[in-house]
Amino acid sequence: ISRDNAKNTVDLQMNRLQPEDTAVYYCYC
């Protein structure tokens, strides 16, 4: 996870994804 406060964004880099990672992903503040 990373954030860019100047852009007001938060990213999630997901590597080596597996079938069990299948989901709806929600951003939270």
mmCIF file of all heavy atoms, coordinates in Angstrom:
data_MODEL
# 
_entry.id   MODEL 
# 
loop_
_atom_site.group_PDB 
_atom_site.id 
_atom_site.type_symbol 
_atom_site.label_atom_id 
_atom_site.label_alt_id 
_atom_site.label_comp_id 
_atom_site.label_asym_id 
_atom_site.label_entity_id 
_atom_site.label_seq_id 
_atom_site.pdbx_PDB_ins_code 
_atom_site.Cartn_x 
_atom_site.Cartn_y 
_atom_site.Cartn_z 
_atom_site.occupancy 
_atom_site.B_iso_or_equiv 
_atom_site.pdbx_formal_charge 
_atom_site.auth_seq_id 
_atom_site.auth_comp_id 
_atom_site.auth_asym_id 
_atom_site.auth_atom_id 
_atom_site.pdbx_PDB_model_num 
ATOM 1   N N   . ILE A 1 1  ? 0.848   -1.189  0.000   1.00 0.00 ? 1  ILE A N   1 
ATOM 2   C CA  . ILE A 1 1  ? 0.000   0.000   0.000   1.00 0.00 ? 1  ILE A CA  1 
ATOM 3   C C   . ILE A 1 1  ? 0.883   1.240   0.000   1.00 0.00 ? 1  ILE A C   1 
ATOM 4   O O   . ILE A 1 1  ? 1.951   1.263   0.620   1.00 0.00 ? 1  ILE A O   1 
ATOM 5   C CB  . ILE A 1 1  ? -0.950  -0.003  1.227   1.00 0.00 ? 1  ILE A CB  1 
ATOM 6   C CG1 . ILE A 1 1  ? -1.973  1.117   1.126   1.00 0.00 ? 1  ILE A CG1 1 
ATOM 7   C CG2 . ILE A 1 1  ? -0.173  0.056   2.539   1.00 0.00 ? 1  ILE A CG2 1 
ATOM 8   C CD1 . ILE A 1 1  ? -3.067  1.035   2.196   1.00 0.00 ? 1  ILE A CD1 1 
ATOM 9   N N   . SER A 1 2  ? 0.437   2.252   -0.716  1.00 0.00 ? 2  SER A N   1 
ATOM 10  C CA  . SER A 1 2  ? 1.171   3.510   -0.758  1.00 0.00 ? 2  SER A CA  1 
ATOM 11  C C   . SER A 1 2  ? 0.173   4.662   -0.870  1.00 0.00 ? 2  SER A C   1 
ATOM 12  O O   . SER A 1 2  ? -0.978  4.463   -1.256  1.00 0.00 ? 2  SER A O   1 
ATOM 13  C CB  . SER A 1 2  ? 2.144   3.538   -1.934  1.00 0.00 ? 2  SER A CB  1 
ATOM 14  O OG  . SER A 1 2  ? 1.445   3.398   -3.164  1.00 0.00 ? 2  SER A OG  1 
ATOM 15  N N   . ARG A 1 3  ? 0.638   5.844   -0.517  1.00 0.00 ? 3  ARG A N   1 
ATOM 16  C CA  . ARG A 1 3  ? -0.234  7.010   -0.608  1.00 0.00 ? 3  ARG A CA  1 
ATOM 17  C C   . ARG A 1 3  ? 0.510   8.165   -1.254  1.00 0.00 ? 3  ARG A C   1 
ATOM 18  O O   . ARG A 1 3  ? 1.735   8.277   -1.114  1.00 0.00 ? 3  ARG A O   1 
ATOM 19  C CB  . ARG A 1 3  ? -0.747  7.413   0.773   1.00 0.00 ? 3  ARG A CB  1 
ATOM 20  C CG  . ARG A 1 3  ? 0.310   7.873   1.757   1.00 0.00 ? 3  ARG A CG  1 
ATOM 21  C CD  . ARG A 1 3  ? -0.244  7.962   3.188   1.00 0.00 ? 3  ARG A CD  1 
ATOM 22  N NE  . ARG A 1 3  ? -1.332  8.914   3.297   1.00 0.00 ? 3  ARG A NE  1 
ATOM 23  C CZ  . ARG A 1 3  ? -2.216  8.898   4.288   1.00 0.00 ? 3  ARG A CZ  1 
ATOM 24  N NH1 . ARG A 1 3  ? -2.167  7.979   5.231   1.00 0.00 ? 3  ARG A NH1 1 
ATOM 25  N NH2 . ARG A 1 3  ? -3.171  9.801   4.334   1.00 0.00 ? 3  ARG A NH2 1 
ATOM 26  N N   . ASP A 1 4  ? -0.232  9.003   -1.947  1.00 0.00 ? 4  ASP A N   1 
ATOM 27  C CA  . ASP A 1 4  ? 0.305   10.223  -2.530  1.00 0.00 ? 4  ASP A CA  1 
ATOM 28  C C   . ASP A 1 4  ? -0.581  11.355  -2.042  1.00 0.00 ? 4  ASP A C   1 
ATOM 29  O O   . ASP A 1 4  ? -1.653  11.603  -2.590  1.00 0.00 ? 4  ASP A O   1 
ATOM 30  C CB  . ASP A 1 4  ? 0.297   10.131  -4.063  1.00 0.00 ? 4  ASP A CB  1 
ATOM 31  C CG  . ASP A 1 4  ? 1.010   11.303  -4.715  1.00 0.00 ? 4  ASP A CG  1 
ATOM 32  O OD1 . ASP A 1 4  ? 1.024   12.408  -4.128  1.00 0.00 ? 4  ASP A OD1 1 
ATOM 33  O OD2 . ASP A 1 4  ? 1.543   11.126  -5.820  1.00 0.00 ? 4  ASP A OD2 1 
ATOM 34  N N   . ASN A 1 5  ? -0.125  12.012  -0.992  1.00 0.00 ? 5  ASN A N   1 
ATOM 35  C CA  . ASN A 1 5  ? -0.963  13.045  -0.383  1.00 0.00 ? 5  ASN A CA  1 
ATOM 36  C C   . ASN A 1 5  ? -1.166  14.235  -1.319  1.00 0.00 ? 5  ASN A C   1 
ATOM 37  O O   . ASN A 1 5  ? -2.197  14.901  -1.260  1.00 0.00 ? 5  ASN A O   1 
ATOM 38  C CB  . ASN A 1 5  ? -0.348  13.508  0.931   1.00 0.00 ? 5  ASN A CB  1 
ATOM 39  C CG  . ASN A 1 5  ? -0.415  12.435  2.009   1.00 0.00 ? 5  ASN A CG  1 
ATOM 40  O OD1 . ASN A 1 5  ? -1.317  11.584  2.008   1.00 0.00 ? 5  ASN A OD1 1 
ATOM 41  N ND2 . ASN A 1 5  ? 0.541   12.465  2.922   1.00 0.00 ? 5  ASN A ND2 1 
ATOM 42  N N   . ALA A 1 6  ? -0.210  14.484  -2.180  1.00 0.00 ? 6  ALA A N   1 
ATOM 43  C CA  . ALA A 1 6  ? -0.347  15.597  -3.125  1.00 0.00 ? 6  ALA A CA  1 
ATOM 44  C C   . ALA A 1 6  ? -1.471  15.329  -4.117  1.00 0.00 ? 6  ALA A C   1 
ATOM 45  O O   . ALA A 1 6  ? -2.179  16.251  -4.538  1.00 0.00 ? 6  ALA A O   1 
ATOM 46  C CB  . ALA A 1 6  ? 0.967   15.832  -3.856  1.00 0.00 ? 6  ALA A CB  1 
ATOM 47  N N   . LYS A 1 7  ? -1.617  14.061  -4.493  1.00 0.00 ? 7  LYS A N   1 
ATOM 48  C CA  . LYS A 1 7  ? -2.667  13.694  -5.450  1.00 0.00 ? 7  LYS A CA  1 
ATOM 49  C C   . LYS A 1 7  ? -3.944  13.238  -4.753  1.00 0.00 ? 7  LYS A C   1 
ATOM 50  O O   . LYS A 1 7  ? -4.953  12.992  -5.404  1.00 0.00 ? 7  LYS A O   1 
ATOM 51  C CB  . LYS A 1 7  ? -2.177  12.581  -6.367  1.00 0.00 ? 7  LYS A CB  1 
ATOM 52  C CG  . LYS A 1 7  ? -1.042  12.990  -7.287  1.00 0.00 ? 7  LYS A CG  1 
ATOM 53  C CD  . LYS A 1 7  ? -0.628  11.838  -8.200  1.00 0.00 ? 7  LYS A CD  1 
ATOM 54  C CE  . LYS A 1 7  ? 0.484   12.243  -9.150  1.00 0.00 ? 7  LYS A CE  1 
ATOM 55  N NZ  . LYS A 1 7  ? 0.910   11.105  -10.028 1.00 0.00 ? 7  LYS A NZ  1 
ATOM 56  N N   . ASN A 1 8  ? -3.878  13.102  -3.432  1.00 0.00 ? 8  ASN A N   1 
ATOM 57  C CA  . ASN A 1 8  ? -5.038  12.636  -2.655  1.00 0.00 ? 8  ASN A CA  1 
ATOM 58  C C   . ASN A 1 8  ? -5.458  11.230  -3.063  1.00 0.00 ? 8  ASN A C   1 
ATOM 59  O O   . ASN A 1 8  ? -6.656  10.937  -3.224  1.00 0.00 ? 8  ASN A O   1 
ATOM 60  C CB  . ASN A 1 8  ? -6.216  13.597  -2.798  1.00 0.00 ? 8  ASN A CB  1 
ATOM 61  C CG  . ASN A 1 8  ? -6.730  14.093  -1.443  1.00 0.00 ? 8  ASN A CG  1 
ATOM 62  O OD1 . ASN A 1 8  ? -5.961  14.213  -0.483  1.00 0.00 ? 8  ASN A OD1 1 
ATOM 63  N ND2 . ASN A 1 8  ? -8.009  14.376  -1.354  1.00 0.00 ? 8  ASN A ND2 1 
ATOM 64  N N   . THR A 1 9  ? -4.459  10.362  -3.239  1.00 0.00 ? 9  THR A N   1 
ATOM 65  C CA  . THR A 1 9  ? -4.738  9.008   -3.678  1.00 0.00 ? 9  THR A CA  1 
ATOM 66  C C   . THR A 1 9  ? -4.036  7.984   -2.794  1.00 0.00 ? 9  THR A C   1 
ATOM 67  O O   . THR A 1 9  ? -3.013  8.279   -2.152  1.00 0.00 ? 9  THR A O   1 
ATOM 68  C CB  . THR A 1 9  ? -4.297  8.774   -5.130  1.00 0.00 ? 9  THR A CB  1 
ATOM 69  O OG1 . THR A 1 9  ? -2.889  9.033   -5.243  1.00 0.00 ? 9  THR A OG1 1 
ATOM 70  C CG2 . THR A 1 9  ? -5.052  9.667   -6.092  1.00 0.00 ? 9  THR A CG2 1 
ATOM 71  N N   . VAL A 1 10 ? -4.586  6.787   -2.786  1.00 0.00 ? 10 VAL A N   1 
ATOM 72  C CA  . VAL A 1 10 ? -3.974  5.650   -2.115  1.00 0.00 ? 10 VAL A CA  1 
ATOM 73  C C   . VAL A 1 10 ? -4.019  4.474   -3.086  1.00 0.00 ? 10 VAL A C   1 
ATOM 74  O O   . VAL A 1 10 ? -5.071  4.205   -3.679  1.00 0.00 ? 10 VAL A O   1 
ATOM 75  C CB  . VAL A 1 10 ? -4.728  5.279   -0.824  1.00 0.00 ? 10 VAL A CB  1 
ATOM 76  C CG1 . VAL A 1 10 ? -4.112  4.036   -0.192  1.00 0.00 ? 10 VAL A CG1 1 
ATOM 77  C CG2 . VAL A 1 10 ? -4.692  6.426   0.152   1.00 0.00 ? 10 VAL A CG2 1 
ATOM 78  N N   . ASP A 1 11 ? -2.907  3.806   -3.251  1.00 0.00 ? 11 ASP A N   1 
ATOM 79  C CA  . ASP A 1 11 ? -2.819  2.685   -4.183  1.00 0.00 ? 11 ASP A CA  1 
ATOM 80  C C   . ASP A 1 11 ? -2.555  1.380   -3.439  1.00 0.00 ? 11 ASP A C   1 
ATOM 81  O O   . ASP A 1 11 ? -1.991  1.367   -2.343  1.00 0.00 ? 11 ASP A O   1 
ATOM 82  C CB  . ASP A 1 11 ? -1.686  2.911   -5.187  1.00 0.00 ? 11 ASP A CB  1 
ATOM 83  C CG  . ASP A 1 11 ? -2.013  3.999   -6.189  1.00 0.00 ? 11 ASP A CG  1 
ATOM 84  O OD1 . ASP A 1 11 ? -3.144  4.518   -6.169  1.00 0.00 ? 11 ASP A OD1 1 
ATOM 85  O OD2 . ASP A 1 11 ? -1.112  4.331   -6.989  1.00 0.00 ? 11 ASP A OD2 1 
ATOM 86  N N   . LEU A 1 12 ? -2.942  0.298   -4.078  1.00 0.00 ? 12 LEU A N   1 
ATOM 87  C CA  . LEU A 1 12 ? -2.630  -1.038  -3.570  1.00 0.00 ? 12 LEU A CA  1 
ATOM 88  C C   . LEU A 1 12 ? -2.033  -1.841  -4.716  1.00 0.00 ? 12 LEU A C   1 
ATOM 89  O O   . LEU A 1 12 ? -2.737  -2.167  -5.685  1.00 0.00 ? 12 LEU A O   1 
ATOM 90  C CB  . LEU A 1 12 ? -3.885  -1.725  -3.038  1.00 0.00 ? 12 LEU A CB  1 
ATOM 91  C CG  . LEU A 1 12 ? -3.654  -3.100  -2.416  1.00 0.00 ? 12 LEU A CG  1 
ATOM 92  C CD1 . LEU A 1 12 ? -2.885  -2.966  -1.088  1.00 0.00 ? 12 LEU A CD1 1 
ATOM 93  C CD2 . LEU A 1 12 ? -4.972  -3.824  -2.187  1.00 0.00 ? 12 LEU A CD2 1 
ATOM 94  N N   . GLN A 1 13 ? -0.750  -2.130  -4.623  1.00 0.00 ? 13 GLN A N   1 
ATOM 95  C CA  . GLN A 1 13 ? -0.082  -2.970  -5.602  1.00 0.00 ? 13 GLN A CA  1 
ATOM 96  C C   . GLN A 1 13 ? -0.211  -4.413  -5.160  1.00 0.00 ? 13 GLN A C   1 
ATOM 97  O O   . GLN A 1 13 ? 0.218   -4.760  -4.049  1.00 0.00 ? 13 GLN A O   1 
ATOM 98  C CB  . GLN A 1 13 ? 1.397   -2.589  -5.725  1.00 0.00 ? 13 GLN A CB  1 
ATOM 99  C CG  . GLN A 1 13 ? 2.182   -3.463  -6.684  1.00 0.00 ? 13 GLN A CG  1 
ATOM 100 C CD  . GLN A 1 13 ? 1.726   -3.313  -8.119  1.00 0.00 ? 13 GLN A CD  1 
ATOM 101 O OE1 . GLN A 1 13 ? 1.455   -2.205  -8.580  1.00 0.00 ? 13 GLN A OE1 1 
ATOM 102 N NE2 . GLN A 1 13 ? 1.631   -4.426  -8.836  1.00 0.00 ? 13 GLN A NE2 1 
ATOM 103 N N   . MET A 1 14 ? -0.781  -5.241  -6.005  1.00 0.00 ? 14 MET A N   1 
ATOM 104 C CA  . MET A 1 14 ? -1.041  -6.638  -5.663  1.00 0.00 ? 14 MET A CA  1 
ATOM 105 C C   . MET A 1 14 ? -0.255  -7.531  -6.616  1.00 0.00 ? 14 MET A C   1 
ATOM 106 O O   . MET A 1 14 ? -0.481  -7.492  -7.828  1.00 0.00 ? 14 MET A O   1 
ATOM 107 C CB  . MET A 1 14 ? -2.539  -6.945  -5.766  1.00 0.00 ? 14 MET A CB  1 
ATOM 108 C CG  . MET A 1 14 ? -3.406  -6.003  -4.945  1.00 0.00 ? 14 MET A CG  1 
ATOM 109 S SD  . MET A 1 14 ? -5.147  -6.474  -4.947  1.00 0.00 ? 14 MET A SD  1 
ATOM 110 C CE  . MET A 1 14 ? -5.554  -6.203  -6.673  1.00 0.00 ? 14 MET A CE  1 
ATOM 111 N N   . ASN A 1 15 ? 0.661   -8.295  -6.046  1.00 0.00 ? 15 ASN A N   1 
ATOM 112 C CA  . ASN A 1 15 ? 1.503   -9.195  -6.833  1.00 0.00 ? 15 ASN A CA  1 
ATOM 113 C C   . ASN A 1 15 ? 1.233   -10.640 -6.439  1.00 0.00 ? 15 ASN A C   1 
ATOM 114 O O   . ASN A 1 15 ? 0.693   -10.916 -5.366  1.00 0.00 ? 15 ASN A O   1 
ATOM 115 C CB  . ASN A 1 15 ? 2.973   -8.869  -6.602  1.00 0.00 ? 15 ASN A CB  1 
ATOM 116 C CG  . ASN A 1 15 ? 3.327   -7.468  -7.034  1.00 0.00 ? 15 ASN A CG  1 
ATOM 117 O OD1 . ASN A 1 15 ? 2.814   -6.950  -8.024  1.00 0.00 ? 15 ASN A OD1 1 
ATOM 118 N ND2 . ASN A 1 15 ? 4.235   -6.831  -6.302  1.00 0.00 ? 15 ASN A ND2 1 
ATOM 119 N N   . ARG A 1 16 ? 1.635   -11.558 -7.321  1.00 0.00 ? 16 ARG A N   1 
ATOM 120 C CA  . ARG A 1 16 ? 1.476   -13.000 -7.077  1.00 0.00 ? 16 ARG A CA  1 
ATOM 121 C C   . ARG A 1 16 ? 0.048   -13.306 -6.633  1.00 0.00 ? 16 ARG A C   1 
ATOM 122 O O   . ARG A 1 16 ? -0.171  -14.003 -5.634  1.00 0.00 ? 16 ARG A O   1 
ATOM 123 C CB  . ARG A 1 16 ? 2.485   -13.474 -6.046  1.00 0.00 ? 16 ARG A CB  1 
ATOM 124 C CG  . ARG A 1 16 ? 3.924   -13.173 -6.449  1.00 0.00 ? 16 ARG A CG  1 
ATOM 125 C CD  . ARG A 1 16 ? 4.953   -14.032 -5.729  1.00 0.00 ? 16 ARG A CD  1 
ATOM 126 N NE  . ARG A 1 16 ? 4.804   -14.080 -4.294  1.00 0.00 ? 16 ARG A NE  1 
ATOM 127 C CZ  . ARG A 1 16 ? 5.351   -13.216 -3.458  1.00 0.00 ? 16 ARG A CZ  1 
ATOM 128 N NH1 . ARG A 1 16 ? 6.047   -12.203 -3.932  1.00 0.00 ? 16 ARG A NH1 1 
ATOM 129 N NH2 . ARG A 1 16 ? 5.190   -13.352 -2.154  1.00 0.00 ? 16 ARG A NH2 1 
ATOM 130 N N   . LEU A 1 17 ? -0.894  -12.800 -7.396  1.00 0.00 ? 17 LEU A N   1 
ATOM 131 C CA  . LEU A 1 17 ? -2.301  -12.980 -7.052  1.00 0.00 ? 17 LEU A CA  1 
ATOM 132 C C   . LEU A 1 17 ? -2.711  -14.443 -7.179  1.00 0.00 ? 17 LEU A C   1 
ATOM 133 O O   . LEU A 1 17 ? -2.236  -15.165 -8.071  1.00 0.00 ? 17 LEU A O   1 
ATOM 134 C CB  . LEU A 1 17 ? -3.176  -12.107 -7.940  1.00 0.00 ? 17 LEU A CB  1 
ATOM 135 C CG  . LEU A 1 17 ? -3.181  -10.623 -7.558  1.00 0.00 ? 17 LEU A CG  1 
ATOM 136 C CD1 . LEU A 1 17 ? -3.654  -9.764  -8.709  1.00 0.00 ? 17 LEU A CD1 1 
ATOM 137 C CD2 . LEU A 1 17 ? -4.055  -10.399 -6.333  1.00 0.00 ? 17 LEU A CD2 1 
ATOM 138 N N   . GLN A 1 18 ? -3.593  -14.854 -6.283  1.00 0.00 ? 18 GLN A N   1 
ATOM 139 C CA  . GLN A 1 18 ? -4.092  -16.219 -6.242  1.00 0.00 ? 18 GLN A CA  1 
ATOM 140 C C   . GLN A 1 18 ? -5.611  -16.207 -6.297  1.00 0.00 ? 18 GLN A C   1 
ATOM 141 O O   . GLN A 1 18 ? -6.242  -15.189 -5.983  1.00 0.00 ? 18 GLN A O   1 
ATOM 142 C CB  . GLN A 1 18 ? -3.615  -16.912 -4.966  1.00 0.00 ? 18 GLN A CB  1 
ATOM 143 C CG  . GLN A 1 18 ? -2.114  -17.009 -4.841  1.00 0.00 ? 18 GLN A CG  1 
ATOM 144 C CD  . GLN A 1 18 ? -1.483  -17.755 -6.006  1.00 0.00 ? 18 GLN A CD  1 
ATOM 145 O OE1 . GLN A 1 18 ? -1.997  -18.790 -6.442  1.00 0.00 ? 18 GLN A OE1 1 
ATOM 146 N NE2 . GLN A 1 18 ? -0.374  -17.238 -6.529  1.00 0.00 ? 18 GLN A NE2 1 
ATOM 147 N N   . PRO A 1 19 ? -6.230  -17.311 -6.685  1.00 0.00 ? 19 PRO A N   1 
ATOM 148 C CA  . PRO A 1 19 ? -7.704  -17.345 -6.752  1.00 0.00 ? 19 PRO A CA  1 
ATOM 149 C C   . PRO A 1 19 ? -8.378  -16.909 -5.450  1.00 0.00 ? 19 PRO A C   1 
ATOM 150 O O   . PRO A 1 19 ? -9.451  -16.297 -5.493  1.00 0.00 ? 19 PRO A O   1 
ATOM 151 C CB  . PRO A 1 19 ? -7.991  -18.807 -7.072  1.00 0.00 ? 19 PRO A CB  1 
ATOM 152 C CG  . PRO A 1 19 ? -6.800  -19.259 -7.862  1.00 0.00 ? 19 PRO A CG  1 
ATOM 153 C CD  . PRO A 1 19 ? -5.629  -18.551 -7.220  1.00 0.00 ? 19 PRO A CD  1 
ATOM 154 N N   . GLU A 1 20 ? -7.738  -17.178 -4.325  1.00 0.00 ? 20 GLU A N   1 
ATOM 155 C CA  . GLU A 1 20 ? -8.357  -16.798 -3.049  1.00 0.00 ? 20 GLU A CA  1 
ATOM 156 C C   . GLU A 1 20 ? -8.303  -15.294 -2.792  1.00 0.00 ? 20 GLU A C   1 
ATOM 157 O O   . GLU A 1 20 ? -8.876  -14.809 -1.809  1.00 0.00 ? 20 GLU A O   1 
ATOM 158 C CB  . GLU A 1 20 ? -7.692  -17.545 -1.878  1.00 0.00 ? 20 GLU A CB  1 
ATOM 159 C CG  . GLU A 1 20 ? -6.195  -17.441 -1.830  1.00 0.00 ? 20 GLU A CG  1 
ATOM 160 C CD  . GLU A 1 20 ? -5.496  -18.608 -2.537  1.00 0.00 ? 20 GLU A CD  1 
ATOM 161 O OE1 . GLU A 1 20 ? -6.050  -19.123 -3.530  1.00 0.00 ? 20 GLU A OE1 1 
ATOM 162 O OE2 . GLU A 1 20 ? -4.401  -18.986 -2.086  1.00 0.00 ? 20 GLU A OE2 1 
ATOM 163 N N   . ASP A 1 21 ? -7.635  -14.564 -3.661  1.00 0.00 ? 21 ASP A N   1 
ATOM 164 C CA  . ASP A 1 21 ? -7.644  -13.094 -3.571  1.00 0.00 ? 21 ASP A CA  1 
ATOM 165 C C   . ASP A 1 21 ? -8.860  -12.500 -4.278  1.00 0.00 ? 21 ASP A C   1 
ATOM 166 O O   . ASP A 1 21 ? -9.072  -11.287 -4.213  1.00 0.00 ? 21 ASP A O   1 
ATOM 167 C CB  . ASP A 1 21 ? -6.376  -12.509 -4.188  1.00 0.00 ? 21 ASP A CB  1 
ATOM 168 C CG  . ASP A 1 21 ? -5.127  -12.885 -3.415  1.00 0.00 ? 21 ASP A CG  1 
ATOM 169 O OD1 . ASP A 1 21 ? -5.148  -12.798 -2.170  1.00 0.00 ? 21 ASP A OD1 1 
ATOM 170 O OD2 . ASP A 1 21 ? -4.119  -13.251 -4.056  1.00 0.00 ? 21 ASP A OD2 1 
ATOM 171 N N   . THR A 1 22 ? -9.626  -13.349 -4.950  1.00 0.00 ? 22 THR A N   1 
ATOM 172 C CA  . THR A 1 22 ? -10.843 -12.881 -5.608  1.00 0.00 ? 22 THR A CA  1 
ATOM 173 C C   . THR A 1 22 ? -11.789 -12.279 -4.584  1.00 0.00 ? 22 THR A C   1 
ATOM 174 O O   . THR A 1 22 ? -12.142 -12.926 -3.595  1.00 0.00 ? 22 THR A O   1 
ATOM 175 C CB  . THR A 1 22 ? -11.537 -14.042 -6.341  1.00 0.00 ? 22 THR A CB  1 
ATOM 176 O OG1 . THR A 1 22 ? -10.696 -14.486 -7.407  1.00 0.00 ? 22 THR A OG1 1 
ATOM 177 C CG2 . THR A 1 22 ? -12.884 -13.608 -6.899  1.00 0.00 ? 22 THR A CG2 1 
ATOM 178 N N   . ALA A 1 23 ? -12.181 -11.033 -4.825  1.00 0.00 ? 23 ALA A N   1 
ATOM 179 C CA  . ALA A 1 23 ? -13.000 -10.304 -3.852  1.00 0.00 ? 23 ALA A CA  1 
ATOM 180 C C   . ALA A 1 23 ? -13.385 -8.950  -4.422  1.00 0.00 ? 23 ALA A C   1 
ATOM 181 O O   . ALA A 1 23 ? -12.846 -8.510  -5.446  1.00 0.00 ? 23 ALA A O   1 
ATOM 182 C CB  . ALA A 1 23 ? -12.225 -10.095 -2.552  1.00 0.00 ? 23 ALA A CB  1 
ATOM 183 N N   . VAL A 1 24 ? -14.293 -8.305  -3.729  1.00 0.00 ? 24 VAL A N   1 
ATOM 184 C CA  . VAL A 1 24 ? -14.535 -6.884  -3.961  1.00 0.00 ? 24 VAL A CA  1 
ATOM 185 C C   . VAL A 1 24 ? -13.622 -6.125  -3.004  1.00 0.00 ? 24 VAL A C   1 
ATOM 186 O O   . VAL A 1 24 ? -13.637 -6.385  -1.801  1.00 0.00 ? 24 VAL A O   1 
ATOM 187 C CB  . VAL A 1 24 ? -16.000 -6.499  -3.725  1.00 0.00 ? 24 VAL A CB  1 
ATOM 188 C CG1 . VAL A 1 24 ? -16.190 -4.996  -3.945  1.00 0.00 ? 24 VAL A CG1 1 
ATOM 189 C CG2 . VAL A 1 24 ? -16.916 -7.289  -4.656  1.00 0.00 ? 24 VAL A CG2 1 
ATOM 190 N N   . TYR A 1 25 ? -12.837 -5.232  -3.548  1.00 0.00 ? 25 TYR A N   1 
ATOM 191 C CA  . TYR A 1 25 ? -11.874 -4.467  -2.758  1.00 0.00 ? 25 TYR A CA  1 
ATOM 192 C C   . TYR A 1 25 ? -12.419 -3.059  -2.525  1.00 0.00 ? 25 TYR A C   1 
ATOM 193 O O   . TYR A 1 25 ? -12.855 -2.382  -3.472  1.00 0.00 ? 25 TYR A O   1 
ATOM 194 C CB  . TYR A 1 25 ? -10.533 -4.414  -3.473  1.00 0.00 ? 25 TYR A CB  1 
ATOM 195 C CG  . TYR A 1 25 ? -9.773  -5.717  -3.364  1.00 0.00 ? 25 TYR A CG  1 
ATOM 196 C CD1 . TYR A 1 25 ? -10.177 -6.841  -4.085  1.00 0.00 ? 25 TYR A CD1 1 
ATOM 197 C CD2 . TYR A 1 25 ? -8.665  -5.841  -2.524  1.00 0.00 ? 25 TYR A CD2 1 
ATOM 198 C CE1 . TYR A 1 25 ? -9.514  -8.051  -3.960  1.00 0.00 ? 25 TYR A CE1 1 
ATOM 199 C CE2 . TYR A 1 25 ? -7.982  -7.040  -2.404  1.00 0.00 ? 25 TYR A CE2 1 
ATOM 200 C CZ  . TYR A 1 25 ? -8.413  -8.141  -3.129  1.00 0.00 ? 25 TYR A CZ  1 
ATOM 201 O OH  . TYR A 1 25 ? -7.749  -9.338  -3.009  1.00 0.00 ? 25 TYR A OH  1 
ATOM 202 N N   . TYR A 1 26 ? -12.358 -2.641  -1.259  1.00 0.00 ? 26 TYR A N   1 
ATOM 203 C CA  . TYR A 1 26 ? -12.916 -1.355  -0.850  1.00 0.00 ? 26 TYR A CA  1 
ATOM 204 C C   . TYR A 1 26 ? -11.820 -0.452  -0.303  1.00 0.00 ? 26 TYR A C   1 
ATOM 205 O O   . TYR A 1 26 ? -10.987 -0.874  0.516   1.00 0.00 ? 26 TYR A O   1 
ATOM 206 C CB  . TYR A 1 26 ? -13.959 -1.546  0.240   1.00 0.00 ? 26 TYR A CB  1 
ATOM 207 C CG  . TYR A 1 26 ? -15.171 -2.329  -0.176  1.00 0.00 ? 26 TYR A CG  1 
ATOM 208 C CD1 . TYR A 1 26 ? -15.216 -3.701  -0.006  1.00 0.00 ? 26 TYR A CD1 1 
ATOM 209 C CD2 . TYR A 1 26 ? -16.277 -1.693  -0.727  1.00 0.00 ? 26 TYR A CD2 1 
ATOM 210 C CE1 . TYR A 1 26 ? -16.326 -4.434  -0.386  1.00 0.00 ? 26 TYR A CE1 1 
ATOM 211 C CE2 . TYR A 1 26 ? -17.401 -2.411  -1.099  1.00 0.00 ? 26 TYR A CE2 1 
ATOM 212 C CZ  . TYR A 1 26 ? -17.410 -3.782  -0.927  1.00 0.00 ? 26 TYR A CZ  1 
ATOM 213 O OH  . TYR A 1 26 ? -18.525 -4.496  -1.292  1.00 0.00 ? 26 TYR A OH  1 
ATOM 214 N N   . CYS A 1 27 ? -11.863 0.781   -0.707  1.00 0.00 ? 27 CYS A N   1 
ATOM 215 C CA  . CYS A 1 27 ? -10.994 1.805   -0.139  1.00 0.00 ? 27 CYS A CA  1 
ATOM 216 C C   . CYS A 1 27 ? -11.636 2.327   1.141   1.00 0.00 ? 27 CYS A C   1 
ATOM 217 O O   . CYS A 1 27 ? -12.878 2.444   1.233   1.00 0.00 ? 27 CYS A O   1 
ATOM 218 C CB  . CYS A 1 27 ? -10.819 2.940   -1.139  1.00 0.00 ? 27 CYS A CB  1 
ATOM 219 S SG  . CYS A 1 27 ? -9.706  4.253   -0.596  1.00 0.00 ? 27 CYS A SG  1 
ATOM 220 N N   . TYR A 1 28 ? -10.801 2.654   2.121   1.00 0.00 ? 28 TYR A N   1 
ATOM 221 C CA  . TYR A 1 28 ? -11.288 3.079   3.427   1.00 0.00 ? 28 TYR A CA  1 
ATOM 222 C C   . TYR A 1 28 ? -10.490 4.289   3.888   1.00 0.00 ? 28 TYR A C   1 
ATOM 223 O O   . TYR A 1 28 ? -9.281  4.386   3.660   1.00 0.00 ? 28 TYR A O   1 
ATOM 224 C CB  . TYR A 1 28 ? -11.101 1.938   4.426   1.00 0.00 ? 28 TYR A CB  1 
ATOM 225 C CG  . TYR A 1 28 ? -11.366 2.303   5.866   1.00 0.00 ? 28 TYR A CG  1 
ATOM 226 C CD1 . TYR A 1 28 ? -12.662 2.354   6.350   1.00 0.00 ? 28 TYR A CD1 1 
ATOM 227 C CD2 . TYR A 1 28 ? -10.319 2.578   6.738   1.00 0.00 ? 28 TYR A CD2 1 
ATOM 228 C CE1 . TYR A 1 28 ? -12.911 2.674   7.678   1.00 0.00 ? 28 TYR A CE1 1 
ATOM 229 C CE2 . TYR A 1 28 ? -10.556 2.905   8.065   1.00 0.00 ? 28 TYR A CE2 1 
ATOM 230 C CZ  . TYR A 1 28 ? -11.854 2.939   8.531   1.00 0.00 ? 28 TYR A CZ  1 
ATOM 231 O OH  . TYR A 1 28 ? -12.102 3.259   9.834   1.00 0.00 ? 28 TYR A OH  1 
ATOM 232 N N   . CYS A 1 29 ? -11.207 5.201   4.545   1.00 0.00 ? 29 CYS A N   1 
ATOM 233 C CA  . CYS A 1 29 ? -10.573 6.378   5.132   1.00 0.00 ? 29 CYS A CA  1 
ATOM 234 C C   . CYS A 1 29 ? -11.157 6.604   6.519   1.00 0.00 ? 29 CYS A C   1 
ATOM 235 O O   . CYS A 1 29 ? -12.384 6.587   6.687   1.00 0.00 ? 29 CYS A O   1 
ATOM 236 C CB  . CYS A 1 29 ? -10.823 7.606   4.258   1.00 0.00 ? 29 CYS A CB  1 
ATOM 237 S SG  . CYS A 1 29 ? -10.288 9.167   4.997   1.00 0.00 ? 29 CYS A SG  1 
# 
